[in-house]
PDB file of N, CA and C in Angstrom:
ATOM      1  N   MET A   1       0.859  -1.182   0.000  1.00  0.00           N
ATOM      2  CA  MET A   1       0.000   0.000   0.000  1.00  0.00           C
ATOM      3  C   MET A   1       0.895   1.232   0.000  1.00  0.00           C
ATOM      4  N   ALA A   2       0.478   2.248  -0.724  1.00  0.00           N
ATOM      5  CA  ALA A   2       1.254   3.479  -0.807  1.00  0.00           C
ATOM      6  C   ALA A   2       1.337   4.140   0.562  1.00  0.00           C
ATOM      7  N   GLU A   3       2.504   4.662   0.852  1.00  0.00           N
ATOM      8  CA  GLU A   3       2.715   5.329   2.124  1.00  0.00           C
ATOM      9  C   GLU A   3       1.824   6.552   2.241  1.00  0.00           C
ATOM     10  N   GLY A   4       1.205   6.718   3.399  1.00  0.00           N
ATOM     11  CA  GLY A   4       0.368   7.887   3.625  1.00  0.00           C
ATOM     12  C   GLY A   4      -1.062   7.710   3.178  1.00  0.00           C
ATOM     13  N   ARG A   5      -1.379   6.557   2.578  1.00  0.00           N
ATOM     14  CA  ARG A   5      -2.743   6.322   2.111  1.00  0.00           C
ATOM     15  C   ARG A   5      -3.481   5.493   3.154  1.00  0.00           C
ATOM     16  N   VAL A   6      -4.674   5.915   3.477  1.00  0.00           N
ATOM     17  CA  VAL A   6      -5.488   5.212   4.452  1.00  0.00           C
ATOM     18  C   VAL A   6      -6.213   4.086   3.757  1.00  0.00           C
ATOM     19  N   ARG A   7      -6.155   2.887   4.376  1.00  0.00           N
ATOM     20  CA  ARG A   7      -6.833   1.726   3.787  1.00  0.00           C
ATOM     21  C   ARG A   7      -8.322   2.032   3.612  1.00  0.00           C
ATOM     22  N   GLY A   8      -8.829   1.756   2.401  1.00  0.00           N
ATOM     23  CA  GLY A   8     -10.239   1.985   2.112  1.00  0.00           C
ATOM     24  C   GLY A   8     -10.539   3.395   1.624  1.00  0.00           C
ATOM     25  N   ALA A   9      -9.555   4.299   1.699  1.00  0.00           N
ATOM     26  CA  ALA A   9      -9.786   5.672   1.237  1.00  0.00           C
ATOM     27  C   ALA A   9      -9.811   5.674  -0.295  1.00  0.00           C
ATOM     28  N   PRO A  10     -10.677   6.460  -0.909  1.00  0.00           N
ATOM     29  CA  PRO A  10     -10.739   6.489  -2.378  1.00  0.00           C
ATOM     30  C   PRO A  10      -9.452   7.056  -2.963  1.00  0.00           C
ATOM     31  N   ARG A  11      -9.100   6.559  -4.129  1.00  0.00           N
ATOM     32  CA  ARG A  11      -7.914   7.084  -4.827  1.00  0.00           C
ATOM     33  C   ARG A  11      -8.218   8.480  -5.352  1.00  0.00           C
ATOM     34  N   GLN A  12      -7.180   9.278  -5.438  1.00  0.00           N
ATOM     35  CA  GLN A  12      -7.348  10.639  -5.963  1.00  0.00           C
ATOM     36  C   GLN A  12      -7.645  10.547  -7.457  1.00  0.00           C
ATOM     37  N   GLN A  13      -8.656  11.258  -7.909  1.00  0.00           N
ATOM     38  CA  GLN A  13      -9.054  11.255  -9.310  1.00  0.00           C
ATOM     39  C   GLN A  13      -8.263  12.297 -10.082  1.00  0.00           C
ATOM     40  N   LEU A  14      -7.932  11.953 -11.333  1.00  0.00           N
ATOM     41  CA  LEU A  14      -7.267  12.909 -12.203  1.00  0.00           C
ATOM     42  C   LEU A  14      -8.292  13.906 -12.706  1.00  0.00           C
ATOM     43  N   PRO A  15      -7.872  15.125 -13.029  1.00  0.00           N
ATOM     44  CA  PRO A  15      -8.833  16.102 -13.555  1.00  0.00           C
ATOM     45  C   PRO A  15      -9.423  15.605 -14.876  1.00  0.00           C
ATOM     46  N   LEU A  16     -10.694  15.900 -15.106  1.00  0.00           N
ATOM     47  CA  LEU A  16     -11.381  15.438 -16.309  1.00  0.00           C
ATOM     48  C   LEU A  16     -11.160  16.339 -17.516  1.00  0.00           C
ATOM     49  N   THR A  17     -10.641  17.523 -17.303  1.00  0.00           N
ATOM     50  CA  THR A  17     -10.404  18.417 -18.428  1.00  0.00           C
ATOM     51  C   THR A  17      -9.045  18.097 -19.038  1.00  0.00           C
ATOM     52  N   PRO A  18      -9.022  17.784 -20.344  1.00  0.00           N
ATOM     53  CA  PRO A  18      -7.749  17.451 -20.982  1.00  0.00           C
ATOM     54  C   PRO A  18      -6.848  18.681 -21.089  1.00  0.00           C
ATOM     55  N   ARG A  19      -5.566  18.422 -20.956  1.00  0.00           N
ATOM     56  CA  ARG A  19      -4.597  19.505 -21.131  1.00  0.00           C
ATOM     57  C   ARG A  19      -3.983  19.395 -22.521  1.00  0.00           C
ATOM     58  N   PRO A  20      -3.937  20.495 -23.254  1.00  0.00           N
ATOM     59  CA  PRO A  20      -3.337  20.429 -24.589  1.00  0.00           C
ATOM     60  C   PRO A  20      -1.838  20.134 -24.498  1.00  0.00           C
ATOM     61  N   ILE A  21      -1.374  19.204 -25.335  1.00  0.00           N
ATOM     62  CA  ILE A  21       0.044  18.872 -25.349  1.00  0.00           C
ATOM     63  C   ILE A  21       0.687  19.200 -26.694  1.00  0.00           C
ATOM     64  N   GLY A  22      -0.127  19.717 -27.630  1.00  0.00           N
ATOM     65  CA  GLY A  22       0.419  20.121 -28.919  1.00  0.00           C
ATOM     66  C   GLY A  22       0.653  18.960 -29.877  1.00  0.00           C
ATOM     67  N   PHE A  23       0.069  17.809 -29.599  1.00  0.00           N
ATOM     68  CA  PHE A  23       0.223  16.645 -30.459  1.00  0.00           C
ATOM     69  C   PHE A  23      -0.942  16.596 -31.438  1.00  0.00           C
ATOM     70  N   PRO A  24      -0.699  16.287 -32.716  1.00  0.00           N
ATOM     71  CA  PRO A  24      -1.803  16.249 -33.685  1.00  0.00           C
ATOM     72  C   PRO A  24      -2.839  15.194 -33.306  1.00  0.00           C
ATOM     73  N   THR A  25      -4.095  15.518 -33.465  1.00  0.00           N
ATOM     74  CA  THR A  25      -5.167  14.567 -33.172  1.00  0.00           C
ATOM     75  C   THR A  25      -5.816  14.034 -34.445  1.00  0.00           C
ATOM     76  N   THR A  26      -5.472  14.596 -35.588  1.00  0.00           N
ATOM     77  CA  THR A  26      -5.918  14.076 -36.878  1.00  0.00           C
ATOM     78  C   THR A  26      -4.723  14.074 -37.820  1.00  0.00           C
ATOM     79  N   LEU A  27      -4.808  13.286 -38.874  1.00  0.00           N
ATOM     80  CA  LEU A  27      -3.715  13.274 -39.849  1.00  0.00           C
ATOM     81  C   LEU A  27      -3.598  14.614 -40.560  1.00  0.00           C
ATOM     82  N   ALA A  28      -4.703  15.352 -40.674  1.00  0.00           N
ATOM     83  CA  ALA A  28      -4.673  16.667 -41.329  1.00  0.00           C
ATOM     84  C   ALA A  28      -3.768  17.641 -40.575  1.00  0.00           C
ATOM     85  N   GLU A  29      -3.568  17.405 -39.286  1.00  0.00           N
ATOM     86  CA  GLU A  29      -2.727  18.288 -38.478  1.00  0.00           C
ATOM     87  C   GLU A  29      -1.247  17.924 -38.561  1.00  0.00           C
ATOM     88  N   VAL A  30      -0.924  16.805 -39.208  1.00  0.00           N
ATOM     89  CA  VAL A  30       0.471  16.394 -39.363  1.00  0.00           C
ATOM     90  C   VAL A  30       1.059  17.181 -40.523  1.00  0.00           C
ATOM     91  N   PRO A  31       2.118  17.944 -40.293  1.00  0.00           N
ATOM     92  CA  PRO A  31       2.689  18.756 -41.374  1.00  0.00           C
ATOM     93  C   PRO A  31       3.066  17.911 -42.591  1.00  0.00           C
ATOM     94  N   GLY A  32       2.605  18.334 -43.754  1.00  0.00           N
ATOM     95  CA  GLY A  32       2.943  17.676 -45.004  1.00  0.00           C
ATOM     96  C   GLY A  32       2.030  16.523 -45.391  1.00  0.00           C
ATOM     97  N   PHE A  33       1.110  16.134 -44.514  1.00  0.00           N
ATOM     98  CA  PHE A  33       0.215  15.025 -44.855  1.00  0.00           C
ATOM     99  C   PHE A  33      -0.806  15.487 -45.884  1.00  0.00           C
ATOM    100  N   THR A  34      -0.978  14.694 -46.951  1.00  0.00           N
ATOM    101  CA  THR A  34      -1.942  15.030 -48.007  1.00  0.00           C
ATOM    102  C   THR A  34      -2.778  13.798 -48.356  1.00  0.00           C
ATOM    103  N   ASP A  35      -3.781  14.009 -49.199  1.00  0.00           N
ATOM    104  CA  ASP A  35      -4.600  12.897 -49.687  1.00  0.00           C
ATOM    105  C   ASP A  35      -3.760  11.892 -50.464  1.00  0.00           C
ATOM    106  N   ALA A  36      -2.645  12.348 -51.019  1.00  0.00           N
ATOM    107  CA  ALA A  36      -1.761  11.447 -51.769  1.00  0.00           C
ATOM    108  C   ALA A  36      -1.211  10.349 -50.858  1.00  0.00           C
ATOM    109  N   HIS A  37      -1.016  10.645 -49.585  1.00  0.00           N
ATOM    110  CA  HIS A  37      -0.550   9.621 -48.646  1.00  0.00           C
ATOM    111  C   HIS A  37      -1.590   8.505 -48.509  1.00  0.00           C
ATOM    112  N   ILE A  38      -2.849   8.875 -48.447  1.00  0.00           N
ATOM    113  CA  ILE A  38      -3.922   7.882 -48.357  1.00  0.00           C
ATOM    114  C   ILE A  38      -3.957   7.046 -49.630  1.00  0.00           C
ATOM    115  N   ASP A  39      -3.861   7.700 -50.786  1.00  0.00           N
ATOM    116  CA  ASP A  39      -3.881   6.980 -52.061  1.00  0.00           C
ATOM    117  C   ASP A  39      -2.724   5.990 -52.157  1.00  0.00           C
ATOM    118  N   ARG A  40      -1.526   6.402 -51.706  1.00  0.00           N
ATOM    119  CA  ARG A  40      -0.369   5.499 -51.749  1.00  0.00           C
ATOM    120  C   ARG A  40      -0.543   4.325 -50.784  1.00  0.00           C
ATOM    121  N   ALA A  41      -1.098   4.586 -49.612  1.00  0.00           N
ATOM    122  CA  ALA A  41      -1.323   3.510 -48.639  1.00  0.00           C
ATOM    123  C   ALA A  41      -2.309   2.484 -49.189  1.00  0.00           C
ATOM    124  N   LEU A  42      -3.365   2.967 -49.840  1.00  0.00           N
ATOM    125  CA  LEU A  42      -4.360   2.059 -50.409  1.00  0.00           C
ATOM    126  C   LEU A  42      -3.782   1.272 -51.583  1.00  0.00           C
ATOM    127  N   ALA A  43      -2.988   1.924 -52.404  1.00  0.00           N
ATOM    128  CA  ALA A  43      -2.350   1.237 -53.528  1.00  0.00           C
ATOM    129  C   ALA A  43      -1.412   0.148 -53.013  1.00  0.00           C
ATOM    130  N   ALA A  44      -0.668   0.437 -51.964  1.00  0.00           N
ATOM    131  CA  ALA A  44       0.236  -0.556 -51.382  1.00  0.00           C
ATOM    132  C   ALA A  44      -0.544  -1.723 -50.796  1.00  0.00           C
ATOM    133  N   ALA A  45      -1.674  -1.430 -50.171  1.00  0.00           N
ATOM    134  CA  ALA A  45      -2.488  -2.495 -49.574  1.00  0.00           C
ATOM    135  C   ALA A  45      -3.058  -3.427 -50.633  1.00  0.00           C
ATOM    136  N   LYS A  46      -3.256  -2.918 -51.843  1.00  0.00           N
ATOM    137  CA  LYS A  46      -3.814  -3.733 -52.928  1.00  0.00           C
ATOM    138  C   LYS A  46      -2.745  -4.506 -53.697  1.00  0.00           C
ATOM    139  N   ASP A  47      -1.482  -4.265 -53.382  1.00  0.00           N
ATOM    140  CA  ASP A  47      -0.383  -4.950 -54.064  1.00  0.00           C
ATOM    141  C   ASP A  47      -0.489  -6.457 -53.815  1.00  0.00           C
ATOM    142  N   PRO A  48      -0.560  -7.259 -54.877  1.00  0.00           N
ATOM    143  CA  PRO A  48      -0.700  -8.711 -54.697  1.00  0.00           C
ATOM    144  C   PRO A  48       0.407  -9.333 -53.838  1.00  0.00           C
ATOM    145  N   LYS A  49       1.605  -8.742 -53.854  1.00  0.00           N
ATOM    146  CA  LYS A  49       2.705  -9.274 -53.046  1.00  0.00           C
ATOM    147  C   LYS A  49       2.429  -9.131 -51.550  1.00  0.00           C
ATOM    148  N   LEU A  50       1.503  -8.230 -51.189  1.00  0.00           N
ATOM    149  CA  LEU A  50       1.201  -7.998 -49.775  1.00  0.00           C
ATOM    150  C   LEU A  50      -0.126  -8.618 -49.351  1.00  0.00           C
ATOM    151  N   ALA A  51      -0.699  -9.472 -50.196  1.00  0.00           N
ATOM    152  CA  ALA A  51      -2.001 -10.073 -49.897  1.00  0.00           C
ATOM    153  C   ALA A  51      -1.987 -10.808 -48.566  1.00  0.00           C
ATOM    154  N   SER A  52      -0.881 -11.455 -48.228  1.00  0.00           N
ATOM    155  CA  SER A  52      -0.822 -12.203 -46.964  1.00  0.00           C
ATOM    156  C   SER A  52      -0.928 -11.266 -45.767  1.00  0.00           C
ATOM    157  N   LYS A  53      -0.456 -10.042 -45.903  1.00  0.00           N
ATOM    158  CA  LYS A  53      -0.571  -9.062 -44.801  1.00  0.00           C
ATOM    159  C   LYS A  53      -2.035  -8.754 -44.525  1.00  0.00           C
ATOM    160  N   LEU A  54      -2.824  -8.565 -45.580  1.00  0.00           N
ATOM    161  CA  LEU A  54      -4.250  -8.289 -45.421  1.00  0.00           C
ATOM    162  C   LEU A  54      -4.978  -9.498 -44.837  1.00  0.00           C
ATOM    163  N   GLN A  55      -4.601 -10.673 -45.288  1.00  0.00           N
ATOM    164  CA  GLN A  55      -5.287 -11.882 -44.842  1.00  0.00           C
ATOM    165  C   GLN A  55      -4.949 -12.243 -43.401  1.00  0.00           C
ATOM    166  N   ASN A  56      -3.820 -11.774 -42.905  1.00  0.00           N
ATOM    167  CA  ASN A  56      -3.406 -12.094 -41.539  1.00  0.00           C
ATOM    168  C   ASN A  56      -3.730 -10.998 -40.532  1.00  0.00           C
ATOM    169  N   MET A  57      -4.519 -10.014 -40.946  1.00  0.00           N
ATOM    170  CA  MET A  57      -4.939  -8.972 -40.016  1.00  0.00           C
ATOM    171  C   MET A  57      -5.953  -9.564 -39.044  1.00  0.00           C
ATOM    172  N   PRO A  58      -6.172  -8.929 -37.885  1.00  0.00           N
ATOM    173  CA  PRO A  58      -7.161  -9.463 -36.936  1.00  0.00           C
ATOM    174  C   PRO A  58      -8.526  -9.701 -37.577  1.00  0.00           C
ATOM    175  N   ILE A  59      -8.914  -8.819 -38.486  1.00  0.00           N
ATOM    176  CA  ILE A  59     -10.107  -9.043 -39.305  1.00  0.00           C
ATOM    177  C   ILE A  59      -9.594  -9.115 -40.744  1.00  0.00           C
ATOM    178  N   PRO A  60      -9.520 -10.314 -41.308  1.00  0.00           N
ATOM    179  CA  PRO A  60      -8.925 -10.479 -42.637  1.00  0.00           C
ATOM    180  C   PRO A  60      -9.622  -9.631 -43.706  1.00  0.00           C
ATOM    181  N   MET A  61      -8.807  -9.114 -44.607  1.00  0.00           N
ATOM    182  CA  MET A  61      -9.307  -8.322 -45.732  1.00  0.00           C
ATOM    183  C   MET A  61      -8.727  -8.886 -47.012  1.00  0.00           C
ATOM    184  N   THR A  62      -9.301  -8.451 -48.131  1.00  0.00           N
ATOM    185  CA  THR A  62      -8.758  -8.773 -49.448  1.00  0.00           C
ATOM    186  C   THR A  62      -8.511  -7.449 -50.170  1.00  0.00           C
ATOM    187  N   ALA A  63      -7.795  -7.526 -51.280  1.00  0.00           N
ATOM    188  CA  ALA A  63      -7.542  -6.314 -52.066  1.00  0.00           C
ATOM    189  C   ALA A  63      -8.850  -5.697 -52.535  1.00  0.00           C
ATOM    190  N   GLU A  64      -9.869  -6.525 -52.735  1.00  0.00           N
ATOM    191  CA  GLU A  64     -11.166  -6.033 -53.199  1.00  0.00           C
ATOM    192  C   GLU A  64     -11.914  -5.252 -52.119  1.00  0.00           C
ATOM    193  N   THR A  65     -11.614  -5.504 -50.857  1.00  0.00           N
ATOM    194  CA  THR A  65     -12.322  -4.814 -49.767  1.00  0.00           C
ATOM    195  C   THR A  65     -11.571  -3.604 -49.221  1.00  0.00           C
ATOM    196  N   VAL A  66     -10.382  -3.345 -49.738  1.00  0.00           N
ATOM    197  CA  VAL A  66      -9.564  -2.233 -49.248  1.00  0.00           C
ATOM    198  C   VAL A  66     -10.286  -0.890 -49.396  1.00  0.00           C
ATOM    199  N   ASP A  67     -10.824  -0.615 -50.579  1.00  0.00           N
ATOM    200  CA  ASP A  67     -11.486   0.680 -50.790  1.00  0.00           C
ATOM    201  C   ASP A  67     -12.748   0.813 -49.943  1.00  0.00           C
ATOM    202  N   ARG A  68     -13.456  -0.286 -49.755  1.00  0.00           N
ATOM    203  CA  ARG A  68     -14.705  -0.229 -48.994  1.00  0.00           C
ATOM    204  C   ARG A  68     -14.472  -0.021 -47.497  1.00  0.00           C
ATOM    205  N   TYR A  69     -13.438  -0.631 -46.942  1.00  0.00           N
ATOM    206  CA  TYR A  69     -13.249  -0.572 -45.495  1.00  0.00           C
ATOM    207  C   TYR A  69     -12.015   0.214 -45.045  1.00  0.00           C
ATOM    208  N   MET A  70     -10.883   0.066 -45.738  1.00  0.00           N
ATOM    209  CA  MET A  70      -9.673   0.748 -45.289  1.00  0.00           C
ATOM    210  C   MET A  70      -9.705   2.242 -45.631  1.00  0.00           C
ATOM    211  N   ARG A  71     -10.215   2.595 -46.807  1.00  0.00           N
ATOM    212  CA  ARG A  71     -10.273   4.014 -47.190  1.00  0.00           C
ATOM    213  C   ARG A  71     -11.039   4.838 -46.153  1.00  0.00           C
ATOM    214  N   PRO A  72     -12.247   4.418 -45.727  1.00  0.00           N
ATOM    215  CA  PRO A  72     -12.958   5.216 -44.720  1.00  0.00           C
ATOM    216  C   PRO A  72     -12.197   5.345 -43.392  1.00  0.00           C
ATOM    217  N   ILE A  73     -11.431   4.322 -43.022  1.00  0.00           N
ATOM    218  CA  ILE A  73     -10.644   4.410 -41.787  1.00  0.00           C
ATOM    219  C   ILE A  73      -9.579   5.492 -41.923  1.00  0.00           C
ATOM    220  N   LEU A  74      -8.871   5.487 -43.050  1.00  0.00           N
ATOM    221  CA  LEU A  74      -7.831   6.493 -43.268  1.00  0.00           C
ATOM    222  C   LEU A  74      -8.424   7.895 -43.407  1.00  0.00           C
ATOM    223  N   GLU A  75      -9.566   8.009 -44.079  1.00  0.00           N
ATOM    224  CA  GLU A  75     -10.209   9.315 -44.213  1.00  0.00           C
ATOM    225  C   GLU A  75     -10.729   9.817 -42.865  1.00  0.00           C
ATOM    226  N   ALA A  76     -11.236   8.907 -42.041  1.00  0.00           N
ATOM    227  CA  ALA A  76     -11.685   9.289 -40.698  1.00  0.00           C
ATOM    228  C   ALA A  76     -10.513   9.796 -39.870  1.00  0.00           C
ATOM    229  N   ALA A  77      -9.369   9.115 -39.973  1.00  0.00           N
ATOM    230  CA  ALA A  77      -8.177   9.560 -39.249  1.00  0.00           C
ATOM    231  C   ALA A  77      -7.679  10.900 -39.788  1.00  0.00           C
ATOM    232  N   HIS A  78      -7.843  11.116 -41.079  1.00  0.00           N
ATOM    233  CA  HIS A  78      -7.414  12.365 -41.704  1.00  0.00           C
ATOM    234  C   HIS A  78      -8.260  13.543 -41.223  1.00  0.00           C
ATOM    235  N   MET A  79      -9.578  13.334 -41.173  1.00  0.00           N
ATOM    236  CA  MET A  79     -10.488  14.435 -40.860  1.00  0.00           C
ATOM    237  C   MET A  79     -10.991  14.428 -39.418  1.00  0.00           C
ATOM    238  N   GLY A  80     -10.766  13.335 -38.692  1.00  0.00           N
ATOM    239  CA  GLY A  80     -11.303  13.243 -37.339  1.00  0.00           C
ATOM    240  C   GLY A  80     -12.792  12.969 -37.319  1.00  0.00           C
ATOM    241  N   ARG A  81     -13.298  12.317 -38.353  1.00  0.00           N
ATOM    242  CA  ARG A  81     -14.739  12.021 -38.462  1.00  0.00           C
ATOM    243  C   ARG A  81     -14.942  10.509 -38.400  1.00  0.00           C
ATOM    244  N   PHE A  82     -15.044   9.997 -37.198  1.00  0.00           N
ATOM    245  CA  PHE A  82     -15.103   8.555 -36.995  1.00  0.00           C
ATOM    246  C   PHE A  82     -16.388   7.916 -37.506  1.00  0.00           C
ATOM    247  N   GLU A  83     -17.413   8.710 -37.773  1.00  0.00           N
ATOM    248  CA  GLU A  83     -18.655   8.147 -38.307  1.00  0.00           C
ATOM    249  C   GLU A  83     -18.463   7.611 -39.728  1.00  0.00           C
ATOM    250  N   LEU A  84     -17.358   7.940 -40.372  1.00  0.00           N
ATOM    251  CA  LEU A  84     -17.075   7.442 -41.717  1.00  0.00           C
ATOM    252  C   LEU A  84     -16.674   5.966 -41.727  1.00  0.00           C
ATOM    253  N   ILE A  85     -16.243   5.453 -40.598  1.00  0.00           N
ATOM    254  CA  ILE A  85     -15.744   4.078 -40.525  1.00  0.00           C
ATOM    255  C   ILE A  85     -16.900   3.099 -40.669  1.00  0.00           C
ATOM    256  N   ARG A  86     -16.704   2.128 -41.556  1.00  0.00           N
ATOM    257  CA  ARG A  86     -17.701   1.075 -41.777  1.00  0.00           C
ATOM    258  C   ARG A  86     -17.354  -0.145 -40.943  1.00  0.00           C
ATOM    259  N   ASN A  87     -18.354  -0.776 -40.423  1.00  0.00           N
ATOM    260  CA  ASN A  87     -18.169  -1.992 -39.635  1.00  0.00           C
ATOM    261  C   ASN A  87     -18.109  -3.183 -40.575  1.00  0.00           C
ATOM    262  N   MET A  88     -17.117  -4.043 -40.395  1.00  0.00           N
ATOM    263  CA  MET A  88     -17.013  -5.247 -41.209  1.00  0.00           C
ATOM    264  C   MET A  88     -17.745  -6.377 -40.498  1.00  0.00           C
ATOM    265  N   THR A  89     -18.898  -6.742 -41.029  1.00  0.00           N
ATOM    266  CA  THR A  89     -19.666  -7.831 -40.409  1.00  0.00           C
ATOM    267  C   THR A  89     -19.939  -8.917 -41.404  1.00  0.00           C
TER     268      THR A  89
END
């Protein structure tokens, strides 16, 4: 038990208001990031030589599903709009 803490006493809560740390929260805030980065990432994901990488993901994908599911994830990260993400069911 931590020194000075009374047994059964509640732990001190951290403040609920976030403090800005100057770290980007969307890809759009990363200097130099453009839509071309998303296009290159999607093109690389569709490369037949990397098919095993897609198939071994926690939720397996194919090159045919990259635009339907991966593009919205990258666009959501770019714009900070998580409602763009599609659920793979």
